[in-house]
């Protein structure tokens, strides 16, 4: 005897959490990486002697190098945070298969 009344296949799988936090984190990470690139480019340009790039930081090489290092560290932090958010958003957590059996993703 079949009991097909009231069967809902969607109840068999648990509903996944919404990914708005991961999307927001990835957007903030991309913004951090962009600011890091711009800041490091400005620091390098000030070190190379381009005038009026950083305003008062253009007078000392120490300020320009600190600006460049801060930009590179922001770039590294943004890229690593973006990769972590991207990895978590793609990880479904439903199936535990060997990595070589999964579909290749870019």
N, C-alpha and C. Protein backbone atom coordinates (compact mmCIF):
# COMPACT_ATOMS: atom_id res chain seq x y z
N UNK A 1 0.82 -1.17 0.00
CA UNK A 1 0.00 0.00 0.00
C UNK A 1 0.87 1.24 0.00
N UNK A 2 0.60 2.20 -0.89
CA UNK A 2 1.40 3.40 -1.01
C UNK A 2 0.75 4.55 -0.26
N UNK A 3 1.58 5.27 0.47
CA UNK A 3 1.10 6.48 1.13
C UNK A 3 1.80 7.67 0.48
N UNK A 4 1.29 8.15 -0.61
CA UNK A 4 1.93 9.27 -1.29
C UNK A 4 1.29 10.60 -0.93
N UNK A 5 0.28 10.57 -0.12
CA UNK A 5 -0.36 11.83 0.28
C UNK A 5 0.54 12.58 1.26
N UNK A 6 0.79 13.80 0.96
CA UNK A 6 1.56 14.64 1.87
C UNK A 6 3.05 14.40 1.81
N UNK A 7 3.55 13.70 0.79
CA UNK A 7 4.99 13.49 0.68
C UNK A 7 5.63 14.71 0.03
N UNK A 8 6.66 15.22 0.65
CA UNK A 8 7.38 16.37 0.11
C UNK A 8 8.87 16.05 0.13
N UNK A 9 9.46 15.96 -1.05
CA UNK A 9 10.87 15.59 -1.15
C UNK A 9 11.79 16.68 -0.60
N UNK A 10 11.31 17.91 -0.55
CA UNK A 10 12.15 19.00 -0.04
C UNK A 10 12.42 18.86 1.45
N UNK A 11 11.56 18.13 2.15
CA UNK A 11 11.79 17.93 3.59
C UNK A 11 12.93 16.97 3.86
N UNK A 12 13.33 16.18 2.89
CA UNK A 12 14.38 15.20 3.12
C UNK A 12 15.75 15.85 3.26
N UNK A 13 15.97 16.94 2.56
CA UNK A 13 17.25 17.64 2.65
C UNK A 13 17.10 18.82 3.59
N UNK A 14 18.08 19.01 4.45
CA UNK A 14 18.01 20.18 5.32
C UNK A 14 18.22 21.45 4.52
N UNK A 15 17.53 22.47 4.91
CA UNK A 15 17.64 23.74 4.20
C UNK A 15 18.95 24.40 4.57
N UNK A 16 19.69 24.80 3.56
CA UNK A 16 20.98 25.43 3.78
C UNK A 16 20.83 26.85 4.30
N UNK A 17 21.85 27.31 4.98
CA UNK A 17 21.84 28.67 5.49
C UNK A 17 21.97 29.66 4.34
N UNK A 18 21.43 30.84 4.54
CA UNK A 18 21.54 31.85 3.49
C UNK A 18 22.98 32.33 3.39
N UNK A 19 23.36 32.70 2.21
CA UNK A 19 24.76 33.05 1.96
C UNK A 19 24.97 34.56 1.86
N UNK A 20 24.09 35.35 2.47
CA UNK A 20 24.27 36.80 2.36
C UNK A 20 25.47 37.26 3.17
N UNK A 21 25.79 36.57 4.26
CA UNK A 21 26.96 36.95 5.04
C UNK A 21 28.25 36.69 4.27
N UNK A 22 28.28 35.57 3.56
CA UNK A 22 29.47 35.26 2.77
C UNK A 22 29.62 36.21 1.59
N UNK A 23 28.49 36.59 0.99
CA UNK A 23 28.56 37.54 -0.12
C UNK A 23 29.02 38.91 0.37
N UNK A 24 28.53 39.33 1.52
CA UNK A 24 28.94 40.61 2.09
C UNK A 24 30.42 40.57 2.46
N UNK A 25 30.86 39.46 3.03
CA UNK A 25 32.27 39.30 3.36
C UNK A 25 33.15 39.32 2.13
N UNK A 26 32.71 38.68 1.06
CA UNK A 26 33.49 38.68 -0.19
C UNK A 26 33.54 40.08 -0.79
N UNK A 27 32.45 40.82 -0.70
CA UNK A 27 32.44 42.19 -1.23
C UNK A 27 33.37 43.09 -0.42
N UNK A 28 33.35 42.95 0.90
CA UNK A 28 34.26 43.75 1.73
C UNK A 28 35.72 43.35 1.49
N UNK A 29 35.96 42.07 1.26
CA UNK A 29 37.32 41.62 0.98
C UNK A 29 37.81 42.17 -0.35
N UNK A 30 36.93 42.21 -1.35
CA UNK A 30 37.32 42.79 -2.64
C UNK A 30 37.60 44.28 -2.50
N UNK A 31 36.82 44.95 -1.67
CA UNK A 31 37.05 46.38 -1.42
C UNK A 31 38.39 46.59 -0.71
N UNK A 32 38.71 45.73 0.26
CA UNK A 32 40.01 45.81 0.94
C UNK A 32 41.16 45.60 -0.04
N UNK A 33 41.02 44.63 -0.92
CA UNK A 33 42.07 44.36 -1.89
C UNK A 33 42.25 45.54 -2.85
N UNK A 34 41.15 46.16 -3.24
CA UNK A 34 41.23 47.31 -4.14
C UNK A 34 41.93 48.49 -3.46
N UNK A 35 41.57 48.75 -2.21
CA UNK A 35 42.22 49.83 -1.46
C UNK A 35 43.70 49.51 -1.27
N UNK A 36 44.01 48.25 -1.03
CA UNK A 36 45.40 47.85 -0.88
C UNK A 36 46.21 48.08 -2.14
N UNK A 37 45.64 47.76 -3.29
CA UNK A 37 46.35 47.98 -4.55
C UNK A 37 46.59 49.47 -4.77
N UNK A 38 45.56 50.27 -4.54
CA UNK A 38 45.70 51.72 -4.76
C UNK A 38 46.71 52.34 -3.79
N UNK A 39 46.68 51.91 -2.54
CA UNK A 39 47.59 52.45 -1.55
C UNK A 39 49.04 52.04 -1.82
N UNK A 40 49.24 50.81 -2.23
CA UNK A 40 50.60 50.37 -2.55
C UNK A 40 51.12 51.06 -3.80
N UNK A 41 50.25 51.28 -4.79
CA UNK A 41 50.69 52.02 -5.98
C UNK A 41 51.06 53.45 -5.63
N UNK A 42 50.31 54.08 -4.75
CA UNK A 42 50.63 55.45 -4.34
C UNK A 42 51.93 55.49 -3.56
N UNK A 43 52.17 54.52 -2.71
CA UNK A 43 53.43 54.47 -1.97
C UNK A 43 54.62 54.25 -2.87
N UNK A 44 54.48 53.38 -3.85
CA UNK A 44 55.58 53.13 -4.79
C UNK A 44 55.83 54.36 -5.66
N UNK A 45 54.76 55.03 -6.07
CA UNK A 45 54.93 56.24 -6.87
C UNK A 45 55.60 57.34 -6.05
N UNK A 46 55.31 57.44 -4.78
CA UNK A 46 55.96 58.44 -3.93
C UNK A 46 57.42 58.10 -3.72
N UNK A 47 57.74 56.80 -3.64
CA UNK A 47 59.14 56.41 -3.51
C UNK A 47 59.93 56.67 -4.78
N UNK A 48 59.28 56.58 -5.92
CA UNK A 48 59.97 56.81 -7.19
C UNK A 48 60.13 58.28 -7.51
N UNK A 49 59.52 59.14 -6.71
CA UNK A 49 59.75 60.57 -6.87
C UNK A 49 58.66 61.32 -7.61
N UNK A 50 57.51 60.72 -7.81
CA UNK A 50 56.40 61.45 -8.43
C UNK A 50 55.89 62.47 -7.42
N UNK A 51 55.71 63.68 -7.87
CA UNK A 51 55.36 64.76 -6.95
C UNK A 51 53.87 64.80 -6.67
N UNK A 52 53.56 65.16 -5.45
CA UNK A 52 52.18 65.39 -4.98
C UNK A 52 51.28 64.17 -5.10
N UNK A 53 51.84 63.00 -4.91
CA UNK A 53 51.01 61.80 -4.94
C UNK A 53 50.33 61.61 -3.59
N UNK A 54 51.11 61.72 -2.52
CA UNK A 54 50.58 61.48 -1.19
C UNK A 54 50.51 62.74 -0.33
N UNK A 55 50.77 63.87 -0.89
CA UNK A 55 50.72 65.11 -0.12
C UNK A 55 51.89 65.20 0.85
N UNK A 56 51.62 65.32 2.15
CA UNK A 56 52.71 65.47 3.12
C UNK A 56 53.58 64.21 3.27
N UNK A 57 53.07 63.05 2.90
CA UNK A 57 53.88 61.83 2.98
C UNK A 57 54.94 61.78 1.89
N UNK A 58 54.82 62.64 0.92
CA UNK A 58 55.77 62.66 -0.19
C UNK A 58 57.12 63.21 0.23
N UNK A 59 57.18 63.90 1.37
CA UNK A 59 58.42 64.52 1.81
C UNK A 59 59.39 63.52 2.42
N UNK A 60 58.90 62.44 2.99
CA UNK A 60 59.80 61.48 3.63
C UNK A 60 59.66 60.11 2.96
N UNK A 61 60.79 59.44 2.84
CA UNK A 61 60.78 58.11 2.25
C UNK A 61 60.19 57.09 3.21
N UNK A 62 60.31 57.36 4.50
CA UNK A 62 59.77 56.43 5.50
C UNK A 62 58.24 56.39 5.42
N UNK A 63 57.61 57.56 5.30
CA UNK A 63 56.16 57.61 5.18
C UNK A 63 55.65 56.94 3.93
N UNK A 64 56.37 57.16 2.82
CA UNK A 64 55.96 56.54 1.56
C UNK A 64 56.14 55.03 1.60
N UNK A 65 57.22 54.55 2.23
CA UNK A 65 57.42 53.10 2.31
C UNK A 65 56.41 52.46 3.26
N UNK A 66 56.07 53.15 4.35
CA UNK A 66 55.02 52.63 5.23
C UNK A 66 53.68 52.56 4.52
N UNK A 67 53.41 53.54 3.70
CA UNK A 67 52.16 53.54 2.92
C UNK A 67 52.15 52.36 1.94
N UNK A 68 53.27 52.11 1.30
CA UNK A 68 53.35 50.97 0.39
C UNK A 68 53.21 49.64 1.10
N UNK A 69 53.86 49.51 2.26
CA UNK A 69 53.74 48.26 3.03
C UNK A 69 52.33 48.07 3.57
N UNK A 70 51.70 49.14 4.00
CA UNK A 70 50.32 49.03 4.46
C UNK A 70 49.40 48.60 3.31
N UNK A 71 49.65 49.14 2.12
CA UNK A 71 48.86 48.76 0.96
C UNK A 71 49.04 47.30 0.60
N UNK A 72 50.28 46.81 0.66
CA UNK A 72 50.53 45.39 0.35
C UNK A 72 49.90 44.48 1.39
N UNK A 73 49.95 44.89 2.66
CA UNK A 73 49.33 44.04 3.69
C UNK A 73 47.80 44.04 3.55
N UNK A 74 47.20 45.18 3.18
CA UNK A 74 45.76 45.21 2.94
C UNK A 74 45.39 44.35 1.73
N UNK A 75 46.24 44.37 0.72
CA UNK A 75 46.00 43.53 -0.45
C UNK A 75 46.04 42.06 -0.08
N UNK A 76 47.03 41.66 0.71
CA UNK A 76 47.14 40.27 1.13
C UNK A 76 45.95 39.86 1.99
N UNK A 77 45.56 40.73 2.92
CA UNK A 77 44.43 40.43 3.79
C UNK A 77 43.13 40.32 2.99
N UNK A 78 42.93 41.21 2.03
CA UNK A 78 41.71 41.18 1.22
C UNK A 78 41.62 39.93 0.35
N UNK A 79 42.73 39.55 -0.25
CA UNK A 79 42.72 38.36 -1.12
C UNK A 79 42.51 37.10 -0.29
N UNK A 80 43.15 37.00 0.87
CA UNK A 80 42.97 35.80 1.68
C UNK A 80 41.55 35.71 2.24
N UNK A 81 40.98 36.84 2.65
CA UNK A 81 39.60 36.84 3.13
C UNK A 81 38.62 36.50 2.01
N UNK A 82 38.88 37.01 0.81
CA UNK A 82 38.01 36.72 -0.34
C UNK A 82 38.06 35.24 -0.68
N UNK A 83 39.25 34.66 -0.65
CA UNK A 83 39.39 33.23 -0.95
C UNK A 83 38.68 32.38 0.09
N UNK A 84 38.77 32.77 1.37
CA UNK A 84 38.10 32.02 2.43
C UNK A 84 36.59 32.08 2.28
N UNK A 85 36.05 33.26 1.98
CA UNK A 85 34.60 33.40 1.78
C UNK A 85 34.15 32.62 0.55
N UNK A 86 34.93 32.67 -0.50
CA UNK A 86 34.59 31.95 -1.73
C UNK A 86 34.60 30.44 -1.50
N UNK A 87 35.59 29.96 -0.75
CA UNK A 87 35.68 28.53 -0.47
C UNK A 87 34.50 28.06 0.38
N UNK A 88 34.11 28.85 1.36
CA UNK A 88 32.97 28.48 2.20
C UNK A 88 31.66 28.52 1.45
N UNK A 89 31.52 29.46 0.51
CA UNK A 89 30.26 29.53 -0.24
C UNK A 89 30.12 28.37 -1.22
N UNK A 90 31.24 27.85 -1.72
CA UNK A 90 31.18 26.72 -2.64
C UNK A 90 31.09 25.38 -1.93
N UNK A 91 31.49 25.34 -0.67
CA UNK A 91 31.45 24.09 0.09
C UNK A 91 30.03 23.81 0.52
N UNK A 92 29.44 22.79 -0.06
CA UNK A 92 28.04 22.49 0.26
C UNK A 92 27.91 21.75 1.59
N UNK A 93 28.84 20.89 1.89
CA UNK A 93 28.79 20.15 3.14
C UNK A 93 27.80 19.00 3.15
N UNK A 94 27.12 18.75 2.05
CA UNK A 94 26.12 17.69 2.02
C UNK A 94 26.75 16.33 1.74
N UNK A 95 27.61 16.26 0.76
CA UNK A 95 28.20 14.98 0.37
C UNK A 95 29.68 14.97 0.70
N UNK A 96 30.13 13.86 1.21
CA UNK A 96 31.54 13.71 1.51
C UNK A 96 32.15 12.76 0.50
N UNK A 97 32.51 13.31 -0.65
CA UNK A 97 33.13 12.53 -1.70
C UNK A 97 34.61 12.87 -1.79
N UNK A 98 35.34 11.99 -2.40
CA UNK A 98 36.74 12.25 -2.64
C UNK A 98 36.87 13.42 -3.62
N UNK A 99 37.86 14.29 -3.44
CA UNK A 99 37.98 15.47 -4.31
C UNK A 99 38.15 15.14 -5.78
N UNK A 100 38.77 14.01 -6.10
CA UNK A 100 38.96 13.70 -7.52
C UNK A 100 37.67 13.20 -8.18
N UNK A 101 36.65 12.88 -7.39
CA UNK A 101 35.37 12.46 -7.97
C UNK A 101 34.41 13.63 -8.21
N UNK A 102 34.72 14.79 -7.62
CA UNK A 102 33.85 15.95 -7.77
C UNK A 102 34.08 16.62 -9.13
N UNK A 103 33.11 17.42 -9.53
CA UNK A 103 33.22 18.15 -10.79
C UNK A 103 34.26 19.26 -10.64
N UNK A 104 35.07 19.42 -11.66
CA UNK A 104 36.11 20.45 -11.63
C UNK A 104 35.47 21.82 -11.78
N UNK A 105 35.90 22.75 -10.91
CA UNK A 105 35.39 24.13 -10.97
C UNK A 105 36.54 25.07 -11.15
N UNK A 106 36.26 26.16 -11.83
CA UNK A 106 37.31 27.18 -12.02
C UNK A 106 37.38 28.10 -10.86
